[in-house]
Amino acid sequence: MTDRYEDKPFLRFVDAYVLKAIGHLDAATETYCKAMVPQLQQSFGVTSGSWEQIVEKQMKFGPELAGQIEKIWADGKKRFEEGNGQPADPVQFAMTFVDRNFGRS
């Protein structure tokens, strides 16, 4: 299996954005994303903003997107669990959501 983020390092931040929107971003990834803000700012030529704001700007996400993602997760999670008898995996959801909606940027 290849590394999802090989040759696509920004994809890690898009996945993290989705995980944060659904309330499942782990502390280690959150810490990593925060630590990378200076590099993101330099890479994208911005002088301020959180990693989330940089993702929103680069991906052209509207202010309502995080709430929409959370609703899709909540609705889909319930259907998945009812249909499969097991908990939905938030990381798998995030990766699938990103791949389907934004391509593997």
C-alpha atoms as a PDB file:
ATOM      1  CA  MET A   1       0.000   0.000   0.000  1.00  0.00           C
ATOM      2  CA  THR A   2       1.370   3.405  -0.914  1.00  0.00           C
ATOM      3  CA  ASP A   3       1.409   6.387   1.383  1.00  0.00           C
ATOM      4  CA  ARG A   4      -1.681   8.490   0.663  1.00  0.00           C
ATOM      5  CA  TYR A   5       0.285  11.677   1.175  1.00  0.00           C
ATOM      6  CA  GLU A   6       3.378  10.825  -0.862  1.00  0.00           C
ATOM      7  CA  ASP A   7       3.767  13.537  -3.508  1.00  0.00           C
ATOM      8  CA  LYS A   8       0.584  15.185  -2.156  1.00  0.00           C
ATOM      9  CA  PRO A   9       1.477  16.634   1.260  1.00  0.00           C
ATOM     10  CA  PHE A  10      -1.386  19.160   1.263  1.00  0.00           C
ATOM     11  CA  LEU A  11      -3.868  16.283   1.112  1.00  0.00           C
ATOM     12  CA  ARG A  12      -3.041  15.555   4.758  1.00  0.00           C
ATOM     13  CA  PHE A  13      -4.421  18.983   5.697  1.00  0.00           C
ATOM     14  CA  VAL A  14      -7.587  18.527   3.629  1.00  0.00           C
ATOM     15  CA  ASP A  15      -8.234  15.178   5.320  1.00  0.00           C
ATOM     16  CA  ALA A  16      -7.548  16.811   8.704  1.00  0.00           C
ATOM     17  CA  TYR A  17      -9.992  19.607   7.866  1.00  0.00           C
ATOM     18  CA  VAL A  18     -12.753  17.054   7.269  1.00  0.00           C
ATOM     19  CA  LEU A  19     -11.872  15.153  10.443  1.00  0.00           C
ATOM     20  CA  LYS A  20     -12.002  18.392  12.435  1.00  0.00           C
ATOM     21  CA  ALA A  21     -15.380  19.264  10.880  1.00  0.00           C
ATOM     22  CA  ILE A  22     -16.830  15.961  12.114  1.00  0.00           C
ATOM     23  CA  GLY A  23     -15.196  16.189  15.537  1.00  0.00           C
ATOM     24  CA  HIS A  24     -12.694  13.365  15.037  1.00  0.00           C
ATOM     25  CA  LEU A  25      -9.342  15.059  14.515  1.00  0.00           C
ATOM     26  CA  ASP A  26      -6.846  13.382  16.830  1.00  0.00           C
ATOM     27  CA  ALA A  27      -4.582  15.492  19.025  1.00  0.00           C
ATOM     28  CA  ALA A  28      -1.355  14.416  17.296  1.00  0.00           C
ATOM     29  CA  THR A  29      -2.612  15.452  13.864  1.00  0.00           C
ATOM     30  CA  GLU A  30      -3.985  18.725  15.247  1.00  0.00           C
ATOM     31  CA  THR A  31      -0.589  19.455  16.799  1.00  0.00           C
ATOM     32  CA  TYR A  32       1.165  18.627  13.533  1.00  0.00           C
ATOM     33  CA  CYS A  33      -1.165  20.874  11.516  1.00  0.00           C
ATOM     34  CA  LYS A  34      -0.655  23.771  13.926  1.00  0.00           C
ATOM     35  CA  ALA A  35       3.114  23.310  13.851  1.00  0.00           C
ATOM     36  CA  MET A  36       3.086  23.417  10.055  1.00  0.00           C
ATOM     37  CA  VAL A  37       1.348  26.802   9.823  1.00  0.00           C
ATOM     38  CA  PRO A  38       4.580  28.746   9.131  1.00  0.00           C
ATOM     39  CA  GLN A  39       5.457  26.365   6.290  1.00  0.00           C
ATOM     40  CA  LEU A  40       1.925  26.563   4.881  1.00  0.00           C
ATOM     41  CA  GLN A  41       2.023  30.341   5.059  1.00  0.00           C
ATOM     42  CA  GLN A  42       5.344  30.379   3.237  1.00  0.00           C
ATOM     43  CA  SER A  43       4.250  27.828   0.629  1.00  0.00           C
ATOM     44  CA  PHE A  44       1.053  29.678  -0.205  1.00  0.00           C
ATOM     45  CA  GLY A  45       2.313  33.231   0.280  1.00  0.00           C
ATOM     46  CA  VAL A  46       0.002  34.167   3.121  1.00  0.00           C
ATOM     47  CA  THR A  47       1.048  36.125   6.160  1.00  0.00           C
ATOM     48  CA  SER A  48      -1.572  35.027   8.646  1.00  0.00           C
ATOM     49  CA  GLY A  49      -4.250  32.476   9.329  1.00  0.00           C
ATOM     50  CA  SER A  50      -4.699  29.124  10.977  1.00  0.00           C
ATOM     51  CA  TRP A  51      -4.088  25.901   9.093  1.00  0.00           C
ATOM     52  CA  GLU A  52      -7.858  25.566   8.704  1.00  0.00           C
ATOM     53  CA  GLN A  53      -8.115  29.040   7.158  1.00  0.00           C
ATOM     54  CA  ILE A  54      -5.265  28.249   4.782  1.00  0.00           C
ATOM     55  CA  VAL A  55      -7.022  25.038   3.682  1.00  0.00           C
ATOM     56  CA  GLU A  56     -10.278  26.937   3.175  1.00  0.00           C
ATOM     57  CA  LYS A  57      -8.541  29.578   1.073  1.00  0.00           C
ATOM     58  CA  GLN A  58      -6.512  27.157  -1.041  1.00  0.00           C
ATOM     59  CA  MET A  59      -9.451  24.831  -1.634  1.00  0.00           C
ATOM     60  CA  LYS A  60     -11.923  27.707  -2.060  1.00  0.00           C
ATOM     61  CA  PHE A  61     -14.168  26.302   0.668  1.00  0.00           C
ATOM     62  CA  GLY A  62     -17.124  28.437   1.669  1.00  0.00           C
ATOM     63  CA  PRO A  63     -17.806  29.273   5.314  1.00  0.00           C
ATOM     64  CA  GLU A  64     -20.703  26.820   5.433  1.00  0.00           C
ATOM     65  CA  LEU A  65     -18.730  23.763   4.306  1.00  0.00           C
ATOM     66  CA  ALA A  66     -17.605  22.517   7.735  1.00  0.00           C
ATOM     67  CA  GLY A  67     -21.224  22.436   8.918  1.00  0.00           C
ATOM     68  CA  GLN A  68     -22.324  20.655   5.763  1.00  0.00           C
ATOM     69  CA  ILE A  69     -19.598  18.026   6.187  1.00  0.00           C
ATOM     70  CA  GLU A  70     -20.672  17.473   9.796  1.00  0.00           C
ATOM     71  CA  LYS A  71     -24.281  16.932   8.708  1.00  0.00           C
ATOM     72  CA  ILE A  72     -23.264  14.486   5.952  1.00  0.00           C
ATOM     73  CA  TRP A  73     -21.184  12.551   8.512  1.00  0.00           C
ATOM     74  CA  ALA A  74     -23.977  12.457  11.101  1.00  0.00           C
ATOM     75  CA  ASP A  75     -26.610  11.340   8.593  1.00  0.00           C
ATOM     76  CA  GLY A  76     -24.350   8.824   6.846  1.00  0.00           C
ATOM     77  CA  LYS A  77     -22.909   7.454  10.093  1.00  0.00           C
ATOM     78  CA  LYS A  78     -26.353   6.481  11.312  1.00  0.00           C
ATOM     79  CA  ARG A  79     -27.285   4.795   8.013  1.00  0.00           C
ATOM     80  CA  PHE A  80     -23.930   3.005   7.825  1.00  0.00           C
ATOM     81  CA  GLU A  81     -24.190   1.646  11.360  1.00  0.00           C
ATOM     82  CA  GLU A  82     -27.785   0.521  10.869  1.00  0.00           C
ATOM     83  CA  GLY A  83     -26.912  -1.198   7.608  1.00  0.00           C
ATOM     84  CA  ASN A  84     -23.614  -2.754   8.644  1.00  0.00           C
ATOM     85  CA  GLY A  85     -23.990  -3.362  12.364  1.00  0.00           C
ATOM     86  CA  GLN A  86     -20.614  -1.800  13.111  1.00  0.00           C
ATOM     87  CA  PRO A  87     -19.353   1.692  13.877  1.00  0.00           C
ATOM     88  CA  ALA A  88     -18.498   4.016  11.004  1.00  0.00           C
ATOM     89  CA  ASP A  89     -14.803   4.858  10.682  1.00  0.00           C
ATOM     90  CA  PRO A  90     -14.284   8.638  10.716  1.00  0.00           C
ATOM     91  CA  VAL A  91     -10.856   8.415   9.056  1.00  0.00           C
ATOM     92  CA  GLN A  92     -12.235   6.309   6.207  1.00  0.00           C
ATOM     93  CA  PHE A  93     -15.126   8.750   5.875  1.00  0.00           C
ATOM     94  CA  ALA A  94     -12.729  11.708   5.655  1.00  0.00           C
ATOM     95  CA  MET A  95     -10.531  10.096   3.010  1.00  0.00           C
ATOM     96  CA  THR A  96     -13.517   8.939   0.943  1.00  0.00           C
ATOM     97  CA  PHE A  97     -15.211  12.330   1.266  1.00  0.00           C
ATOM     98  CA  VAL A  98     -12.085  14.159   0.113  1.00  0.00           C
ATOM     99  CA  ASP A  99     -11.438  11.756  -2.759  1.00  0.00           C
ATOM    100  CA  ARG A 100     -15.017  11.907  -4.030  1.00  0.00           C
ATOM    101  CA  ASN A 101     -15.530  15.642  -3.661  1.00  0.00           C
ATOM    102  CA  PHE A 102     -12.144  17.185  -4.259  1.00  0.00           C
ATOM    103  CA  GLY A 103     -10.064  14.557  -5.984  1.00  0.00           C
ATOM    104  CA  ARG A 104      -6.781  13.551  -4.412  1.00  0.00           C
ATOM    105  CA  SER A 105      -5.313  17.055  -4.464  1.00  0.00           C
END
